[in-house]
Amino acid sequence: MNKTTTVRVDIETYEGLKKLSRQLNQPMQKIIQEALAGYKRKVLLSATAEAFAALREKRELWQEEIEERQLWESTLQDGIEK
């Protein structure tokens, strides 16, 4: 069994969570877990987009990235299947 702990939230957040729990017929813990996973994904994608934007600003490094992608794209036609 997983260990648990208590987290304090304001009453509005709690009521919203309770309402979602009823609507989705899922435990509040699962809703929080899924919300956290979605938020982590959003943060990761945002950081990745920022990193690529910074890379694009550096012409030489961006060109290296494009060249490496082209090398990898050629492997799609190498005849090797899954």
N, C-alpha and C. Protein backbone atom coordinates (compact mmCIF):
# COMPACT_ATOMS: atom_id res chain seq x y z
N MET A 1 0.84 -1.18 0.00
CA MET A 1 0.00 0.00 0.00
C MET A 1 0.89 1.24 0.00
N ASN A 2 0.50 2.23 -0.78
CA ASN A 2 1.25 3.49 -0.84
C ASN A 2 1.07 4.28 0.43
N LYS A 3 2.14 4.94 0.83
CA LYS A 3 2.04 5.85 1.97
C LYS A 3 1.32 7.11 1.52
N THR A 4 0.65 7.75 2.43
CA THR A 4 -0.08 8.98 2.09
C THR A 4 0.29 10.08 3.07
N THR A 5 -0.09 11.28 2.73
CA THR A 5 0.11 12.44 3.59
C THR A 5 -1.05 13.40 3.38
N THR A 6 -1.07 14.45 4.12
CA THR A 6 -2.13 15.45 4.02
C THR A 6 -1.59 16.71 3.38
N VAL A 7 -2.36 17.30 2.49
CA VAL A 7 -2.01 18.56 1.86
C VAL A 7 -3.16 19.53 2.11
N ARG A 8 -2.83 20.73 2.52
CA ARG A 8 -3.88 21.73 2.77
C ARG A 8 -4.19 22.49 1.48
N VAL A 9 -5.47 22.62 1.19
CA VAL A 9 -5.94 23.43 0.06
C VAL A 9 -7.07 24.31 0.56
N ASP A 10 -7.32 25.39 -0.16
CA ASP A 10 -8.43 26.24 0.25
C ASP A 10 -9.75 25.53 -0.05
N ILE A 11 -10.80 25.98 0.57
CA ILE A 11 -12.11 25.32 0.48
C ILE A 11 -12.63 25.29 -0.95
N GLU A 12 -12.37 26.34 -1.72
CA GLU A 12 -12.83 26.38 -3.11
C GLU A 12 -12.16 25.27 -3.93
N THR A 13 -10.87 25.08 -3.73
CA THR A 13 -10.15 24.01 -4.43
C THR A 13 -10.69 22.65 -4.02
N TYR A 14 -10.90 22.48 -2.72
CA TYR A 14 -11.43 21.21 -2.22
C TYR A 14 -12.81 20.91 -2.80
N GLU A 15 -13.67 21.91 -2.82
CA GLU A 15 -15.01 21.72 -3.35
C GLU A 15 -14.96 21.37 -4.84
N GLY A 16 -14.08 22.03 -5.57
CA GLY A 16 -13.92 21.73 -7.00
C GLY A 16 -13.42 20.31 -7.21
N LEU A 17 -12.49 19.89 -6.38
CA LEU A 17 -11.96 18.53 -6.46
C LEU A 17 -13.04 17.51 -6.13
N LYS A 18 -13.81 17.80 -5.11
CA LYS A 18 -14.90 16.90 -4.71
C LYS A 18 -15.94 16.78 -5.84
N LYS A 19 -16.26 17.90 -6.46
CA LYS A 19 -17.23 17.89 -7.56
C LYS A 19 -16.71 17.06 -8.73
N LEU A 20 -15.45 17.26 -9.09
CA LEU A 20 -14.86 16.46 -10.17
C LEU A 20 -14.86 14.98 -9.82
N SER A 21 -14.56 14.68 -8.58
CA SER A 21 -14.55 13.30 -8.12
C SER A 21 -15.90 12.63 -8.34
N ARG A 22 -16.95 13.36 -8.01
CA ARG A 22 -18.30 12.82 -8.21
C ARG A 22 -18.64 12.69 -9.70
N GLN A 23 -18.32 13.74 -10.47
CA GLN A 23 -18.63 13.73 -11.90
C GLN A 23 -17.94 12.59 -12.63
N LEU A 24 -16.68 12.38 -12.29
CA LEU A 24 -15.88 11.37 -12.99
C LEU A 24 -15.93 10.00 -12.33
N ASN A 25 -16.57 9.94 -11.18
CA ASN A 25 -16.62 8.70 -10.41
C ASN A 25 -15.21 8.14 -10.18
N GLN A 26 -14.33 9.03 -9.77
CA GLN A 26 -12.94 8.65 -9.48
C GLN A 26 -12.54 9.23 -8.13
N PRO A 27 -11.63 8.56 -7.45
CA PRO A 27 -11.18 9.10 -6.17
C PRO A 27 -10.43 10.42 -6.36
N MET A 28 -10.53 11.29 -5.37
CA MET A 28 -9.84 12.58 -5.45
C MET A 28 -8.34 12.39 -5.65
N GLN A 29 -7.78 11.37 -5.03
CA GLN A 29 -6.34 11.12 -5.17
C GLN A 29 -5.97 10.89 -6.63
N LYS A 30 -6.78 10.13 -7.35
CA LYS A 30 -6.49 9.85 -8.76
C LYS A 30 -6.57 11.14 -9.58
N ILE A 31 -7.54 11.97 -9.30
CA ILE A 31 -7.68 13.24 -10.03
C ILE A 31 -6.46 14.11 -9.79
N ILE A 32 -6.00 14.16 -8.55
CA ILE A 32 -4.80 14.95 -8.24
C ILE A 32 -3.59 14.36 -8.95
N GLN A 33 -3.45 13.04 -8.94
CA GLN A 33 -2.31 12.40 -9.61
C GLN A 33 -2.30 12.72 -11.10
N GLU A 34 -3.47 12.64 -11.73
CA GLU A 34 -3.55 12.92 -13.16
C GLU A 34 -3.29 14.40 -13.45
N ALA A 35 -3.79 15.26 -12.58
CA ALA A 35 -3.56 16.70 -12.76
C ALA A 35 -2.07 17.01 -12.63
N LEU A 36 -1.41 16.39 -11.67
CA LEU A 36 0.02 16.61 -11.48
C LEU A 36 0.81 16.09 -12.68
N ALA A 37 0.43 14.93 -13.19
CA ALA A 37 1.11 14.38 -14.36
C ALA A 37 0.95 15.32 -15.55
N GLY A 38 -0.25 15.85 -15.74
CA GLY A 38 -0.49 16.79 -16.84
C GLY A 38 0.31 18.07 -16.68
N TYR A 39 0.40 18.55 -15.46
CA TYR A 39 1.16 19.77 -15.19
C TYR A 39 2.65 19.54 -15.43
N LYS A 40 3.16 18.38 -15.00
CA LYS A 40 4.57 18.05 -15.24
C LYS A 40 4.86 18.01 -16.74
N ARG A 41 3.95 17.41 -17.49
CA ARG A 41 4.09 17.32 -18.94
C ARG A 41 4.13 18.72 -19.55
N LYS A 42 3.25 19.60 -19.08
CA LYS A 42 3.19 20.97 -19.58
C LYS A 42 4.50 21.71 -19.29
N VAL A 43 5.03 21.55 -18.09
CA VAL A 43 6.29 22.19 -17.71
C VAL A 43 7.43 21.66 -18.57
N LEU A 44 7.47 20.35 -18.78
CA LEU A 44 8.53 19.75 -19.60
C LEU A 44 8.47 20.26 -21.04
N LEU A 45 7.27 20.29 -21.62
CA LEU A 45 7.13 20.75 -23.00
C LEU A 45 7.48 22.23 -23.13
N SER A 46 7.14 23.01 -22.13
CA SER A 46 7.48 24.43 -22.14
C SER A 46 8.99 24.62 -22.08
N ALA A 47 9.65 23.88 -21.20
CA ALA A 47 11.11 23.97 -21.08
C ALA A 47 11.78 23.51 -22.37
N THR A 48 11.24 22.47 -22.98
CA THR A 48 11.80 21.97 -24.24
C THR A 48 11.66 23.01 -25.34
N ALA A 49 10.50 23.63 -25.43
CA ALA A 49 10.27 24.67 -26.43
C ALA A 49 11.23 25.84 -26.22
N GLU A 50 11.43 26.23 -24.97
CA GLU A 50 12.36 27.32 -24.67
C GLU A 50 13.78 26.95 -25.06
N ALA A 51 14.17 25.71 -24.79
CA ALA A 51 15.53 25.26 -25.13
C ALA A 51 15.73 25.26 -26.64
N PHE A 52 14.74 24.80 -27.39
CA PHE A 52 14.86 24.81 -28.85
C PHE A 52 14.87 26.23 -29.39
N ALA A 53 14.10 27.11 -28.78
CA ALA A 53 14.10 28.52 -29.21
C ALA A 53 15.48 29.13 -28.99
N ALA A 54 16.10 28.82 -27.85
CA ALA A 54 17.45 29.33 -27.57
C ALA A 54 18.45 28.73 -28.54
N LEU A 55 18.28 27.46 -28.88
CA LEU A 55 19.19 26.80 -29.82
C LEU A 55 19.07 27.43 -31.21
N ARG A 56 17.84 27.74 -31.63
CA ARG A 56 17.62 28.35 -32.94
C ARG A 56 18.31 29.71 -33.05
N GLU A 57 18.50 30.38 -31.94
CA GLU A 57 19.14 31.70 -31.95
C GLU A 57 20.64 31.60 -32.26
N LYS A 58 21.20 30.42 -32.06
CA LYS A 58 22.63 30.20 -32.31
C LYS A 58 22.77 29.46 -33.63
N ARG A 59 23.01 30.21 -34.68
CA ARG A 59 22.98 29.66 -36.04
C ARG A 59 23.81 28.39 -36.22
N GLU A 60 25.05 28.41 -35.74
CA GLU A 60 25.94 27.27 -35.96
C GLU A 60 25.41 26.02 -35.25
N LEU A 61 24.99 26.18 -34.02
CA LEU A 61 24.46 25.03 -33.28
C LEU A 61 23.14 24.54 -33.88
N TRP A 62 22.30 25.46 -34.34
CA TRP A 62 21.04 25.06 -34.96
C TRP A 62 21.30 24.29 -36.25
N GLN A 63 22.29 24.73 -37.01
CA GLN A 63 22.64 24.03 -38.24
C GLN A 63 23.10 22.60 -37.93
N GLU A 64 23.88 22.45 -36.87
CA GLU A 64 24.31 21.10 -36.45
C GLU A 64 23.10 20.24 -36.09
N GLU A 65 22.14 20.83 -35.42
CA GLU A 65 20.91 20.11 -35.05
C GLU A 65 20.17 19.63 -36.31
N ILE A 66 20.03 20.52 -37.27
CA ILE A 66 19.34 20.17 -38.53
C ILE A 66 20.08 19.05 -39.25
N GLU A 67 21.39 19.16 -39.31
CA GLU A 67 22.18 18.12 -39.99
C GLU A 67 22.04 16.78 -39.29
N GLU A 68 22.04 16.78 -37.97
CA GLU A 68 21.87 15.53 -37.24
C GLU A 68 20.48 14.94 -37.47
N ARG A 69 19.47 15.78 -37.51
CA ARG A 69 18.11 15.29 -37.79
C ARG A 69 18.05 14.64 -39.17
N GLN A 70 18.72 15.25 -40.14
CA GLN A 70 18.71 14.69 -41.49
C GLN A 70 19.38 13.32 -41.51
N LEU A 71 20.45 13.16 -40.74
CA LEU A 71 21.09 11.85 -40.65
C LEU A 71 20.13 10.81 -40.08
N TRP A 72 19.41 11.19 -39.03
CA TRP A 72 18.48 10.26 -38.42
C TRP A 72 17.30 9.96 -39.34
N GLU A 73 16.85 10.94 -40.10
CA GLU A 73 15.73 10.73 -41.01
C GLU A 73 16.07 9.68 -42.06
N SER A 74 17.32 9.61 -42.45
CA SER A 74 17.71 8.63 -43.46
C SER A 74 17.56 7.21 -42.93
N THR A 75 17.57 7.03 -41.62
CA THR A 75 17.40 5.68 -41.06
C THR A 75 15.97 5.18 -41.22
N LEU A 76 15.04 6.08 -41.49
CA LEU A 76 13.66 5.65 -41.67
C LEU A 76 13.49 4.82 -42.94
N GLN A 77 14.41 4.96 -43.85
CA GLN A 77 14.32 4.25 -45.13
C GLN A 77 15.37 3.15 -45.23
N ASP A 78 15.86 2.66 -44.10
CA ASP A 78 16.91 1.65 -44.14
C ASP A 78 16.38 0.24 -44.29
N GLY A 79 15.06 0.08 -44.35
CA GLY A 79 14.47 -1.22 -44.56
C GLY A 79 14.30 -2.04 -43.29
N ILE A 80 14.76 -1.52 -42.18
CA ILE A 80 14.62 -2.25 -40.92
C ILE A 80 13.27 -1.90 -40.31
N GLU A 81 12.49 -2.92 -40.05
CA GLU A 81 11.19 -2.71 -39.42
C GLU A 81 11.31 -2.99 -37.93
N LYS A 82 10.27 -2.70 -37.23
CA LYS A 82 10.24 -2.87 -35.76
C LYS A 82 10.87 -4.13 -35.28
